[in-house]
Amino acid sequence: MMSVIIKGGPILWIIIGLSILATAIIIERMVYFKKIKVDEEKLFHRIKGAIEKKHFDEALSICDTNVSPLTGLMKVGINHRDQPDLIQKEVLKDAARQEIPQLEHFLTPLGTIAHISPLLGLLGTVTGNIKSFGILGGGSSLGDPSILAKGISEALITTAAGLIVSIPAVIFYNYLVNKVDTILIKMENQVNEMVLLLKGGQDGGDTEGEVL
């Protein structure tokens, strides 16, 4: 393995570093989403039932014991239930804006790694071929076969390494982005319903779709 890494040249070390970073990001994100994973439907109906009975302390207690972006927003809505609609919506929007960066944390670096890894592999291919052709053009007509093979190895190894890093990074990036989008849609739908519930269904016409 070490001989392969040595043959890959300095660009391969960069790709390896990016692979370690991508792996760390993926693990961190998967742990985070597992930590905040709750049965949204069941949890929402529990909170909804408490609100309908005007048991707001119970609803807040449910939110406190089931920490997630959704319960965080619902807690804000419950705490501001006596505020005018406009103020309540603005408070919820601010709370949502604070949740979104945490959901999207590290996704931009992961996407960047997914895109630049094959480009670095291509760069390694180019530099490896430059070495190979430089050998062919200098010294003797054929050059040193061992050095020529080293240049070709560097070209092929870095290309393969770039693709090996890029493919899973793209897969996990798309998976995580889709997961974030799904969470945001659920948050929007359920928080909008909660706002209507808190207001007893009044002035609900302009609430839908405006919280997030």
N, C-alpha and C. Protein backbone atom coordinates (compact mmCIF):
# COMPACT_ATOMS: atom_id res chain seq x y z
N MET A 1 0.82 -1.21 0.00
CA MET A 1 0.00 0.00 0.00
C MET A 1 0.86 1.26 0.00
N MET A 2 1.89 1.26 0.85
CA MET A 2 2.76 2.43 0.91
C MET A 2 3.48 2.65 -0.41
N SER A 3 3.85 1.57 -1.09
CA SER A 3 4.53 1.72 -2.38
C SER A 3 3.60 2.36 -3.40
N VAL A 4 2.32 2.02 -3.33
CA VAL A 4 1.34 2.62 -4.24
C VAL A 4 1.20 4.11 -3.96
N ILE A 5 1.16 4.45 -2.67
CA ILE A 5 1.04 5.86 -2.28
C ILE A 5 2.26 6.64 -2.76
N ILE A 6 3.44 6.05 -2.59
CA ILE A 6 4.67 6.71 -3.03
C ILE A 6 4.65 6.93 -4.54
N LYS A 7 4.19 5.93 -5.27
CA LYS A 7 4.11 6.05 -6.73
C LYS A 7 3.12 7.13 -7.16
N GLY A 8 2.12 7.35 -6.33
CA GLY A 8 1.09 8.33 -6.69
C GLY A 8 1.57 9.76 -6.65
N GLY A 9 2.67 10.02 -5.97
CA GLY A 9 3.21 11.37 -5.94
C GLY A 9 2.49 12.28 -4.95
N PRO A 10 2.88 13.55 -4.89
CA PRO A 10 2.33 14.49 -3.90
C PRO A 10 0.83 14.73 -4.05
N ILE A 11 0.32 14.68 -5.27
CA ILE A 11 -1.11 14.93 -5.47
C ILE A 11 -1.94 13.84 -4.80
N LEU A 12 -1.43 12.62 -4.79
CA LEU A 12 -2.16 11.53 -4.14
C LEU A 12 -2.28 11.79 -2.64
N TRP A 13 -1.26 12.39 -2.04
CA TRP A 13 -1.34 12.71 -0.61
C TRP A 13 -2.46 13.71 -0.34
N ILE A 14 -2.62 14.66 -1.25
CA ILE A 14 -3.71 15.63 -1.11
C ILE A 14 -5.06 14.93 -1.19
N ILE A 15 -5.18 14.02 -2.15
CA ILE A 15 -6.43 13.27 -2.31
C ILE A 15 -6.72 12.43 -1.08
N ILE A 16 -5.68 11.81 -0.52
CA ILE A 16 -5.85 11.02 0.70
C ILE A 16 -6.33 11.90 1.85
N GLY A 17 -5.73 13.09 1.96
CA GLY A 17 -6.17 14.03 3.00
C GLY A 17 -7.63 14.41 2.84
N LEU A 18 -8.05 14.64 1.60
CA LEU A 18 -9.45 14.97 1.34
C LEU A 18 -10.37 13.80 1.66
N SER A 19 -9.90 12.59 1.40
CA SER A 19 -10.72 11.41 1.71
C SER A 19 -10.94 11.27 3.22
N ILE A 20 -9.90 11.57 4.00
CA ILE A 20 -10.03 11.52 5.46
C ILE A 20 -11.01 12.58 5.94
N LEU A 21 -10.90 13.78 5.37
CA LEU A 21 -11.80 14.87 5.74
C LEU A 21 -13.24 14.53 5.37
N ALA A 22 -13.44 13.99 4.17
CA ALA A 22 -14.79 13.62 3.72
C ALA A 22 -15.39 12.55 4.63
N THR A 23 -14.57 11.56 5.00
CA THR A 23 -15.05 10.50 5.89
C THR A 23 -15.46 11.06 7.24
N ALA A 24 -14.65 11.99 7.77
CA ALA A 24 -14.97 12.60 9.06
C ALA A 24 -16.28 13.38 8.99
N ILE A 25 -16.48 14.12 7.89
CA ILE A 25 -17.71 14.89 7.72
C ILE A 25 -18.92 13.97 7.64
N ILE A 26 -18.81 12.91 6.86
CA ILE A 26 -19.92 11.97 6.69
C ILE A 26 -20.29 11.33 8.03
N ILE A 27 -19.29 10.90 8.78
CA ILE A 27 -19.55 10.28 10.09
C ILE A 27 -20.22 11.28 11.03
N GLU A 28 -19.69 12.52 11.06
CA GLU A 28 -20.25 13.54 11.94
C GLU A 28 -21.70 13.83 11.60
N ARG A 29 -22.00 13.93 10.31
CA ARG A 29 -23.38 14.23 9.87
C ARG A 29 -24.33 13.07 10.18
N MET A 30 -23.88 11.84 9.95
CA MET A 30 -24.73 10.69 10.22
C MET A 30 -25.02 10.57 11.71
N VAL A 31 -24.02 10.83 12.55
CA VAL A 31 -24.22 10.81 14.00
C VAL A 31 -25.20 11.91 14.40
N TYR A 32 -25.04 13.09 13.81
CA TYR A 32 -25.94 14.21 14.14
C TYR A 32 -27.38 13.89 13.79
N PHE A 33 -27.61 13.39 12.57
CA PHE A 33 -28.98 13.11 12.15
C PHE A 33 -29.59 11.96 12.95
N LYS A 34 -28.76 11.01 13.36
CA LYS A 34 -29.26 9.94 14.22
C LYS A 34 -29.65 10.49 15.59
N LYS A 35 -28.88 11.46 16.07
CA LYS A 35 -29.14 12.06 17.37
C LYS A 35 -30.46 12.81 17.39
N ILE A 36 -30.78 13.52 16.30
CA ILE A 36 -32.01 14.33 16.27
C ILE A 36 -33.19 13.56 15.70
N LYS A 37 -32.97 12.30 15.35
CA LYS A 37 -34.05 11.53 14.73
C LYS A 37 -35.14 11.23 15.76
N VAL A 38 -36.35 11.62 15.43
CA VAL A 38 -37.51 11.33 16.27
C VAL A 38 -38.65 10.90 15.36
N ASP A 39 -39.66 10.28 15.95
CA ASP A 39 -40.86 9.94 15.19
C ASP A 39 -41.71 11.20 15.10
N GLU A 40 -41.49 11.98 14.01
CA GLU A 40 -42.11 13.30 13.91
C GLU A 40 -43.63 13.25 13.99
N GLU A 41 -44.23 12.29 13.30
CA GLU A 41 -45.69 12.22 13.28
C GLU A 41 -46.25 11.95 14.68
N LYS A 42 -45.69 10.94 15.34
CA LYS A 42 -46.16 10.59 16.68
C LYS A 42 -45.92 11.73 17.66
N LEU A 43 -44.73 12.32 17.57
CA LEU A 43 -44.38 13.42 18.47
C LEU A 43 -45.28 14.62 18.24
N PHE A 44 -45.52 14.94 16.97
CA PHE A 44 -46.36 16.09 16.64
C PHE A 44 -47.78 15.91 17.18
N HIS A 45 -48.32 14.71 17.05
CA HIS A 45 -49.68 14.47 17.54
C HIS A 45 -49.75 14.55 19.06
N ARG A 46 -48.67 14.16 19.74
CA ARG A 46 -48.63 14.31 21.20
C ARG A 46 -48.65 15.78 21.59
N ILE A 47 -47.83 16.57 20.91
CA ILE A 47 -47.78 18.01 21.20
C ILE A 47 -49.10 18.66 20.82
N LYS A 48 -49.63 18.27 19.67
CA LYS A 48 -50.90 18.82 19.21
C LYS A 48 -52.02 18.54 20.21
N GLY A 49 -52.05 17.30 20.74
CA GLY A 49 -53.06 16.94 21.72
C GLY A 49 -52.96 17.79 22.98
N ALA A 50 -51.72 18.04 23.42
CA ALA A 50 -51.52 18.87 24.62
C ALA A 50 -51.96 20.30 24.37
N ILE A 51 -51.67 20.82 23.17
CA ILE A 51 -52.06 22.20 22.85
C ILE A 51 -53.58 22.31 22.78
N GLU A 52 -54.23 21.33 22.18
CA GLU A 52 -55.69 21.36 22.07
C GLU A 52 -56.36 21.38 23.45
N LYS A 53 -55.70 20.74 24.42
CA LYS A 53 -56.24 20.72 25.79
C LYS A 53 -55.76 21.94 26.59
N LYS A 54 -55.01 22.83 25.94
CA LYS A 54 -54.44 24.01 26.59
C LYS A 54 -53.41 23.63 27.66
N HIS A 55 -52.83 22.44 27.54
CA HIS A 55 -51.78 22.00 28.46
C HIS A 55 -50.42 22.40 27.87
N PHE A 56 -50.14 23.68 27.90
CA PHE A 56 -48.94 24.19 27.24
C PHE A 56 -47.65 23.75 27.95
N ASP A 57 -47.70 23.63 29.28
CA ASP A 57 -46.52 23.15 30.00
C ASP A 57 -46.18 21.72 29.59
N GLU A 58 -47.20 20.90 29.39
CA GLU A 58 -46.98 19.53 28.94
C GLU A 58 -46.38 19.51 27.54
N ALA A 59 -46.88 20.38 26.67
CA ALA A 59 -46.34 20.47 25.31
C ALA A 59 -44.88 20.88 25.33
N LEU A 60 -44.54 21.85 26.19
CA LEU A 60 -43.15 22.29 26.30
C LEU A 60 -42.27 21.18 26.87
N SER A 61 -42.81 20.41 27.81
CA SER A 61 -42.06 19.30 28.39
C SER A 61 -41.75 18.24 27.34
N ILE A 62 -42.71 17.97 26.47
CA ILE A 62 -42.49 17.01 25.38
C ILE A 62 -41.38 17.51 24.46
N CYS A 63 -41.39 18.81 24.17
CA CYS A 63 -40.34 19.39 23.32
C CYS A 63 -38.97 19.28 23.98
N ASP A 64 -38.92 19.52 25.29
CA ASP A 64 -37.64 19.48 26.01
C ASP A 64 -37.04 18.08 26.07
N THR A 65 -37.90 17.06 26.12
CA THR A 65 -37.41 15.69 26.24
C THR A 65 -37.20 15.02 24.88
N ASN A 66 -37.57 15.68 23.81
CA ASN A 66 -37.38 15.15 22.46
C ASN A 66 -36.75 16.24 21.59
N VAL A 67 -35.45 16.46 21.80
CA VAL A 67 -34.76 17.56 21.14
C VAL A 67 -34.56 17.27 19.66
N SER A 68 -35.05 18.18 18.82
CA SER A 68 -34.88 18.09 17.37
C SER A 68 -35.17 19.47 16.80
N PRO A 69 -34.80 19.72 15.54
CA PRO A 69 -35.13 21.02 14.94
C PRO A 69 -36.63 21.31 14.99
N LEU A 70 -37.45 20.29 14.78
CA LEU A 70 -38.91 20.48 14.80
C LEU A 70 -39.39 20.91 16.18
N THR A 71 -38.98 20.18 17.22
CA THR A 71 -39.43 20.54 18.57
C THR A 71 -38.88 21.89 19.00
N GLY A 72 -37.69 22.24 18.50
CA GLY A 72 -37.14 23.55 18.81
C GLY A 72 -38.02 24.66 18.28
N LEU A 73 -38.51 24.51 17.04
CA LEU A 73 -39.40 25.51 16.46
C LEU A 73 -40.75 25.52 17.16
N MET A 74 -41.27 24.34 17.47
CA MET A 74 -42.58 24.26 18.12
C MET A 74 -42.53 24.89 19.51
N LYS A 75 -41.41 24.71 20.19
CA LYS A 75 -41.24 25.31 21.51
C LYS A 75 -41.28 26.84 21.41
N VAL A 76 -40.61 27.37 20.40
CA VAL A 76 -40.64 28.82 20.18
C VAL A 76 -42.06 29.29 19.92
N GLY A 77 -42.79 28.55 19.07
CA GLY A 77 -44.17 28.93 18.77
C GLY A 77 -45.06 28.91 20.00
N ILE A 78 -44.89 27.88 20.84
CA ILE A 78 -45.71 27.79 22.05
C ILE A 78 -45.39 28.93 23.01
N ASN A 79 -44.11 29.24 23.16
CA ASN A 79 -43.71 30.31 24.08
C ASN A 79 -44.19 31.68 23.61
N HIS A 80 -44.46 31.83 22.32
CA HIS A 80 -44.93 33.11 21.78
C HIS A 80 -46.37 33.02 21.30
N ARG A 81 -47.13 32.12 21.91
CA ARG A 81 -48.51 31.89 21.46
C ARG A 81 -49.42 33.10 21.66
N ASP A 82 -49.09 33.96 22.62
CA ASP A 82 -49.94 35.12 22.91
C ASP A 82 -49.55 36.34 22.10
N GLN A 83 -48.51 36.22 21.29
CA GLN A 83 -48.06 37.34 20.47
C GLN A 83 -48.96 37.49 19.24
N PRO A 84 -49.03 38.69 18.68
CA PRO A 84 -49.77 38.86 17.42
C PRO A 84 -49.19 37.98 16.32
N ASP A 85 -50.01 37.66 15.33
CA ASP A 85 -49.59 36.74 14.27
C ASP A 85 -48.29 37.18 13.61
N LEU A 86 -48.17 38.46 13.28
CA LEU A 86 -47.00 38.96 12.56
C LEU A 86 -45.73 38.74 13.38
N ILE A 87 -45.79 39.06 14.66
CA ILE A 87 -44.62 38.89 15.53
C ILE A 87 -44.29 37.41 15.68
N GLN A 88 -45.32 36.59 15.85
CA GLN A 88 -45.11 35.15 16.01
C GLN A 88 -44.42 34.56 14.79
N LYS A 89 -44.86 34.98 13.60
CA LYS A 89 -44.26 34.47 12.36
C LYS A 89 -42.79 34.89 12.25
N GLU A 90 -42.51 36.15 12.60
CA GLU A 90 -41.13 36.63 12.51
C GLU A 90 -40.23 35.89 13.49
N VAL A 91 -40.75 35.63 14.68
CA VAL A 91 -39.97 34.89 15.68
C VAL A 91 -39.68 33.48 15.18
N LEU A 92 -40.68 32.84 14.57
CA LEU A 92 -40.50 31.50 14.04
C LEU A 92 -39.51 31.49 12.87
N LYS A 93 -39.57 32.52 12.04
CA LYS A 93 -38.62 32.61 10.93
C LYS A 93 -37.19 32.74 11.45
N ASP A 94 -37.01 33.56 12.49
CA ASP A 94 -35.68 33.71 13.08
C ASP A 94 -35.19 32.38 13.68
N ALA A 95 -36.11 31.67 14.34
CA ALA A 95 -35.74 30.38 14.93
C ALA A 95 -35.38 29.37 13.84
N ALA A 96 -36.13 29.41 12.74
CA ALA A 96 -35.85 28.49 11.63
C ALA A 96 -34.49 28.79 11.01
N ARG A 97 -34.17 30.07 10.88
CA ARG A 97 -32.87 30.46 10.31
C ARG A 97 -31.72 29.98 11.19
N GLN A 98 -31.96 29.87 12.48
CA GLN A 98 -30.92 29.37 13.37
C GLN A 98 -30.77 27.85 13.28
N GLU A 99 -31.84 27.16 12.91
CA GLU A 99 -31.78 25.70 12.78
C GLU A 99 -31.13 25.26 11.48
N ILE A 100 -31.38 26.01 10.40
CA ILE A 100 -30.92 25.60 9.07
C ILE A 100 -29.40 25.45 8.98
N PRO A 101 -28.60 26.41 9.50
CA PRO A 101 -27.14 26.22 9.41
C PRO A 101 -26.65 24.94 10.08
N GLN A 102 -27.27 24.55 11.19
CA GLN A 102 -26.85 23.32 11.87
C GLN A 102 -27.20 22.10 11.03
N LEU A 103 -28.35 22.14 10.35
CA LEU A 103 -28.73 21.03 9.48
C LEU A 103 -27.77 20.91 8.29
N GLU A 104 -27.32 22.05 7.77
CA GLU A 104 -26.47 22.07 6.58
C GLU A 104 -24.99 22.11 6.91
N HIS A 105 -24.65 21.96 8.19
CA HIS A 105 -23.26 22.07 8.64
C HIS A 105 -22.35 21.09 7.90
N PHE A 106 -21.25 21.61 7.36
CA PHE A 106 -20.21 20.81 6.67
C PHE A 106 -20.65 20.27 5.30
N LEU A 107 -21.87 20.54 4.85
CA LEU A 107 -22.29 20.00 3.55
C LEU A 107 -21.55 20.69 2.40
N THR A 108 -21.27 21.98 2.54
CA THR A 108 -20.53 22.68 1.48
C THR A 108 -19.12 22.12 1.31
N PRO A 109 -18.34 21.91 2.40
CA PRO A 109 -17.03 21.27 2.21
C PRO A 109 -17.12 19.88 1.60
N LEU A 110 -18.14 19.11 2.00
CA LEU A 110 -18.29 17.76 1.44
C LEU A 110 -18.58 17.83 -0.06
N GLY A 111 -19.44 18.76 -0.46
CA GLY A 111 -19.72 18.93 -1.89
C GLY A 111 -18.49 19.38 -2.66
N THR A 112 -17.69 20.25 -2.03
CA THR A 112 -16.46 20.71 -2.67
C THR A 112 -15.48 19.56 -2.88
N ILE A 113 -15.33 18.72 -1.86
CA ILE A 113 -14.44 17.56 -1.98
C ILE A 113 -14.92 16.64 -3.09
N ALA A 114 -16.24 16.43 -3.17
CA ALA A 114 -16.80 15.56 -4.20
C ALA A 114 -16.48 16.06 -5.60
N HIS A 115 -16.43 17.39 -5.76
CA HIS A 115 -16.19 17.97 -7.08
C HIS A 115 -14.71 18.07 -7.44
N ILE A 116 -13.86 18.39 -6.45
CA ILE A 116 -12.46 18.65 -6.80
C ILE A 116 -11.61 17.38 -6.80
N SER A 117 -12.07 16.31 -6.15
CA SER A 117 -11.26 15.08 -6.09
C SER A 117 -10.94 14.52 -7.48
N PRO A 118 -11.93 14.38 -8.38
CA PRO A 118 -11.59 13.89 -9.71
C PRO A 118 -10.73 14.87 -10.50
N LEU A 119 -10.89 16.17 -10.20
CA LEU A 119 -10.05 17.17 -10.88
C LEU A 119 -8.59 17.03 -10.43
N LEU A 120 -8.40 16.77 -9.14
CA LEU A 120 -7.04 16.53 -8.66
C LEU A 120 -6.48 15.25 -9.26
N GLY A 121 -7.34 14.23 -9.40
CA GLY A 121 -6.90 13.01 -10.07
C GLY A 121 -6.48 13.27 -11.50
N LEU A 122 -7.25 14.13 -12.18
CA LEU A 122 -6.89 14.50 -13.55
C LEU A 122 -5.58 15.27 -13.58
N LEU A 123 -5.39 16.15 -12.59
CA LEU A 123 -4.12 16.89 -12.51
C LEU A 123 -2.96 15.92 -12.32
N GLY A 124 -3.15 14.91 -11.48
CA GLY A 124 -2.11 13.90 -11.29
C GLY A 124 -1.83 13.14 -12.57
N THR A 125 -2.88 12.88 -13.35
CA THR A 125 -2.70 12.23 -14.65
C THR A 125 -1.85 13.08 -15.58
N VAL A 126 -2.15 14.37 -15.59
CA VAL A 126 -1.40 15.29 -16.46
C VAL A 126 0.06 15.36 -16.05
N THR A 127 0.30 15.53 -14.74
CA THR A 127 1.70 15.65 -14.30
C THR A 127 2.46 14.34 -14.51
N GLY A 128 1.76 13.20 -14.32
CA GLY A 128 2.40 11.91 -14.57
C GLY A 128 2.77 11.74 -16.03
N ASN A 129 1.88 12.14 -16.92
CA ASN A 129 2.16 12.04 -18.35
C ASN A 129 3.26 13.00 -18.78
N ILE A 130 3.29 14.17 -18.14
CA ILE A 130 4.36 15.13 -18.44
C ILE A 130 5.72 14.50 -18.11
N LYS A 131 5.79 13.84 -16.95
CA LYS A 131 7.03 13.17 -16.58
C LYS A 131 7.39 12.09 -17.59
N SER A 132 6.39 11.32 -17.99
CA SER A 132 6.64 10.23 -18.94
C SER A 132 7.16 10.75 -20.26
N PHE A 133 6.50 11.76 -20.80
CA PHE A 133 6.93 12.31 -22.09
C PHE A 133 8.25 13.05 -21.97
N GLY A 134 8.50 13.62 -20.77
CA GLY A 134 9.79 14.27 -20.56
C GLY A 134 10.93 13.26 -20.61
N ILE A 135 10.66 12.06 -20.07
CA ILE A 135 11.67 11.00 -20.11
C ILE A 135 11.91 10.54 -21.54
N LEU A 136 10.80 10.38 -22.29
CA LEU A 136 10.93 9.94 -23.68
C LEU A 136 11.70 10.95 -24.52
N GLY A 137 11.56 12.23 -24.17
CA GLY A 137 12.19 13.26 -24.98
C GLY A 137 13.61 13.58 -24.57
N GLY A 138 14.08 13.00 -23.48
CA GLY A 138 15.43 13.34 -23.02
C GLY A 138 16.33 12.12 -22.92
N GLY A 139 17.58 12.33 -22.89
CA GLY A 139 18.56 11.25 -22.73
C GLY A 139 18.62 10.39 -23.97
N SER A 140 17.99 9.24 -23.93
CA SER A 140 17.96 8.34 -25.08
C SER A 140 16.58 8.39 -25.72
N SER A 141 16.42 7.71 -26.82
CA SER A 141 15.15 7.75 -27.54
C SER A 141 14.04 7.06 -26.76
N LEU A 142 14.42 6.08 -25.94
CA LEU A 142 13.40 5.34 -25.18
C LEU A 142 13.34 5.77 -23.72
N GLY A 143 14.43 6.39 -23.23
CA GLY A 143 14.47 6.77 -21.84
C GLY A 143 14.61 5.56 -20.93
N ASP A 144 14.56 5.81 -19.64
CA ASP A 144 14.66 4.74 -18.64
C ASP A 144 13.28 4.12 -18.44
N PRO A 145 13.09 2.84 -18.76
CA PRO A 145 11.77 2.21 -18.65
C PRO A 145 11.19 2.27 -17.23
N SER A 146 12.04 2.13 -16.22
CA SER A 146 11.53 2.15 -14.84
C SER A 146 10.98 3.52 -14.47
N ILE A 147 11.69 4.57 -14.90
CA ILE A 147 11.22 5.92 -14.62
C ILE A 147 9.97 6.22 -15.43
N LEU A 148 9.94 5.72 -16.66
CA LEU A 148 8.76 5.90 -17.51
C LEU A 148 7.54 5.23 -16.87
N ALA A 149 7.75 4.03 -16.35
CA ALA A 149 6.65 3.31 -15.69
C ALA A 149 6.17 4.05 -14.45
N LYS A 150 7.09 4.68 -13.73
CA LYS A 150 6.72 5.44 -12.55
C LYS A 150 5.81 6.60 -12.91
N GLY A 151 6.12 7.29 -14.00
CA GLY A 151 5.28 8.40 -14.44
C GLY A 151 3.89 7.93 -14.83
N ILE A 152 3.82 6.80 -15.53
CA ILE A 152 2.52 6.26 -15.94
C ILE A 152 1.73 5.80 -14.71
N SER A 153 2.41 5.20 -13.73
CA SER A 153 1.75 4.76 -12.50
C SER A 153 1.14 5.93 -11.76
N GLU A 154 1.90 7.01 -11.66
CA GLU A 154 1.39 8.21 -10.99
C GLU A 154 0.13 8.71 -11.68
N ALA A 155 0.16 8.68 -13.01
CA ALA A 155 -1.00 9.15 -13.78
C ALA A 155 -2.23 8.30 -13.49
N LEU A 156 -2.08 6.99 -13.49
CA LEU A 156 -3.22 6.09 -13.30
C LEU A 156 -3.69 6.05 -11.85
N ILE A 157 -2.75 6.05 -10.91
CA ILE A 157 -3.11 5.94 -9.49
C ILE A 157 -3.90 7.16 -9.03
N THR A 158 -3.45 8.35 -9.40
CA THR A 158 -4.15 9.55 -8.94
C THR A 158 -5.55 9.65 -9.56
N THR A 159 -5.69 9.22 -10.81
CA THR A 159 -7.01 9.22 -11.44
C THR A 159 -7.96 8.30 -10.68
N ALA A 160 -7.50 7.09 -10.40
CA ALA A 160 -8.32 6.13 -9.67
C ALA A 160 -8.65 6.64 -8.27
N ALA A 161 -7.66 7.21 -7.59
CA ALA A 161 -7.87 7.70 -6.23
C ALA A 161 -8.89 8.83 -6.21
N GLY A 162 -8.79 9.74 -7.18
CA GLY A 162 -9.75 10.84 -7.26
C GLY A 162 -11.17 10.35 -7.42
N LEU A 163 -11.36 9.34 -8.25
CA LEU A 163 -12.70 8.78 -8.46
C LEU A 163 -13.18 8.02 -7.23
N ILE A 164 -12.28 7.30 -6.58
CA ILE A 164 -12.65 6.54 -5.38
C ILE A 164 -13.14 7.46 -4.27
N VAL A 165 -12.53 8.64 -4.17
CA VAL A 165 -12.96 9.61 -3.16
C VAL A 165 -14.24 10.31 -3.61
N SER A 166 -14.31 10.67 -4.88
CA SER A 166 -15.42 11.48 -5.38
C SER A 166 -16.75 10.74 -5.38
N ILE A 167 -16.77 9.49 -5.81
CA ILE A 167 -18.04 8.76 -5.98
C ILE A 167 -18.81 8.63 -4.66
N PRO A 168 -18.21 8.10 -3.58
CA PRO A 168 -18.98 8.04 -2.33
C PRO A 168 -19.29 9.42 -1.76
N ALA A 169 -18.39 10.39 -1.98
CA ALA A 169 -18.65 11.75 -1.48
C ALA A 169 -19.88 12.34 -2.15
N VAL A 170 -20.03 12.13 -3.46
CA VAL A 170 -21.21 12.62 -4.19
C VAL A 170 -22.47 11.93 -3.69
N ILE A 171 -22.38 10.62 -3.49
CA ILE A 171 -23.55 9.85 -3.02
C ILE A 171 -24.01 10.35 -1.65
N PHE A 172 -23.07 10.49 -0.72
CA PHE A 172 -23.45 10.93 0.63
C PHE A 172 -23.87 12.39 0.63
N TYR A 173 -23.24 13.22 -0.20
CA TYR A 173 -23.65 14.63 -0.27
C TYR A 173 -25.10 14.74 -0.72
N ASN A 174 -25.46 14.04 -1.79
CA ASN A 174 -26.83 14.09 -2.28
C ASN A 174 -27.81 13.52 -1.26
N TYR A 175 -27.40 12.46 -0.59
CA TYR A 175 -28.26 11.86 0.44
C TYR A 175 -28.51 12.85 1.58
N LEU A 176 -27.45 13.50 2.04
CA LEU A 176 -27.58 14.43 3.16
C LEU A 176 -28.37 15.68 2.78
N VAL A 177 -28.15 16.18 1.57
CA VAL A 177 -28.92 17.35 1.10
C VAL A 177 -30.40 17.00 1.03
N ASN A 178 -30.71 15.82 0.50
CA ASN A 178 -32.10 15.39 0.42
C ASN A 178 -32.71 15.23 1.82
N LYS A 179 -31.91 14.75 2.76
CA LYS A 179 -32.39 14.59 4.14
C LYS A 179 -32.71 15.95 4.75
N VAL A 180 -31.84 16.93 4.52
CA VAL A 180 -32.08 18.27 5.03
C VAL A 180 -33.36 18.85 4.42
N ASP A 181 -33.53 18.70 3.11
CA ASP A 181 -34.73 19.21 2.44
C ASP A 181 -35.99 18.57 3.01
N THR A 182 -35.93 17.26 3.25
CA THR A 182 -37.09 16.55 3.81
C THR A 182 -37.44 17.07 5.20
N ILE A 183 -36.41 17.29 6.02
CA ILE A 183 -36.64 17.81 7.37
C ILE A 183 -37.25 19.20 7.32
N LEU A 184 -36.75 20.05 6.42
CA LEU A 184 -37.26 21.42 6.32
C LEU A 184 -38.72 21.43 5.88
N ILE A 185 -39.08 20.56 4.94
CA ILE A 185 -40.46 20.49 4.48
C ILE A 185 -41.38 20.05 5.62
N LYS A 186 -40.95 19.03 6.37
CA LYS A 186 -41.75 18.57 7.50
C LYS A 186 -41.88 19.66 8.55
N MET A 187 -40.78 20.36 8.82
CA MET A 187 -40.82 21.45 9.79
C MET A 187 -41.82 22.51 9.36
N GLU A 188 -41.78 22.88 8.09
CA GLU A 188 -42.67 23.93 7.59
C GLU A 188 -44.13 23.52 7.72
N ASN A 189 -44.44 22.31 7.27
CA ASN A 189 -45.84 21.85 7.30
C ASN A 189 -46.37 21.74 8.72
N GLN A 190 -45.58 21.15 9.61
CA GLN A 190 -46.07 20.90 10.96
C GLN A 190 -46.09 22.17 11.81
N VAL A 191 -45.12 23.06 11.60
CA VAL A 191 -45.13 24.31 12.36
C VAL A 191 -46.27 25.20 11.89
N ASN A 192 -46.53 25.23 10.58
CA ASN A 192 -47.67 26.00 10.08
C ASN A 192 -48.97 25.50 10.69
N GLU A 193 -49.10 24.17 10.78
CA GLU A 193 -50.31 23.59 11.39
C GLU A 193 -50.40 23.96 12.86
N MET A 194 -49.24 23.99 13.53
CA MET A 194 -49.24 24.34 14.94
C MET A 194 -49.64 25.79 15.15
N VAL A 195 -49.19 26.69 14.26
CA VAL A 195 -49.55 28.10 14.37
C VAL A 195 -51.06 28.26 14.24
N LEU A 196 -51.64 27.56 13.27
CA LEU A 196 -53.09 27.60 13.11
C LEU A 196 -53.79 27.06 14.36
N LEU A 197 -53.23 26.02 14.93
CA LEU A 197 -53.82 25.42 16.13
C LEU A 197 -53.77 26.39 17.30
N LEU A 198 -52.63 27.05 17.47
CA LEU A 198 -52.48 28.01 18.57
C LEU A 198 -53.43 29.18 18.43
N LYS A 199 -53.71 29.56 17.17
CA LYS A 199 -54.60 30.69 16.91
C LYS A 199 -56.05 30.25 16.76
N GLY A 200 -56.32 28.97 17.03
CA GLY A 200 -57.68 28.48 16.93
C GLY A 200 -58.23 28.51 15.53
N GLY A 201 -57.27 28.41 14.52
CA GLY A 201 -57.70 28.39 13.13
C GLY A 201 -58.02 29.75 12.56
N GLN A 202 -57.77 30.83 13.31
CA GLN A 202 -58.08 32.17 12.83
C GLN A 202 -56.90 32.74 12.05
N ASP A 203 -57.22 33.53 11.05
CA ASP A 203 -56.21 34.22 10.23
C ASP A 203 -55.20 33.24 9.67
N GLY A 204 -55.63 32.03 9.33
CA GLY A 204 -54.71 31.01 8.85
C GLY A 204 -54.42 31.10 7.38
N GLY A 205 -55.19 31.93 6.66
CA GLY A 205 -55.05 31.95 5.21
C GLY A 205 -53.70 32.40 4.74
N ASP A 206 -53.06 33.31 5.49
CA ASP A 206 -51.76 33.82 5.04
C ASP A 206 -50.62 33.21 5.82
N THR A 207 -50.90 32.15 6.58
CA THR A 207 -49.84 31.53 7.38
C THR A 207 -49.12 30.46 6.61
N GLU A 208 -49.85 29.70 5.79
CA GLU A 208 -49.27 28.56 5.10
C GLU A 208 -48.11 28.98 4.21
N GLY A 209 -46.98 28.31 4.41
CA GLY A 209 -45.83 28.53 3.53
C GLY A 209 -45.00 29.73 3.87
N GLU A 210 -45.28 30.41 5.01
CA GLU A 210 -44.55 31.63 5.31
C GLU A 210 -43.62 31.49 6.51
N VAL A 211 -43.68 30.38 7.20
CA VAL A 211 -42.88 30.27 8.42
C VAL A 211 -41.42 30.08 8.11
N LEU A 212 -41.08 29.17 7.18
CA LEU A 212 -39.68 28.89 6.86
C LEU A 212 -39.29 29.58 5.59
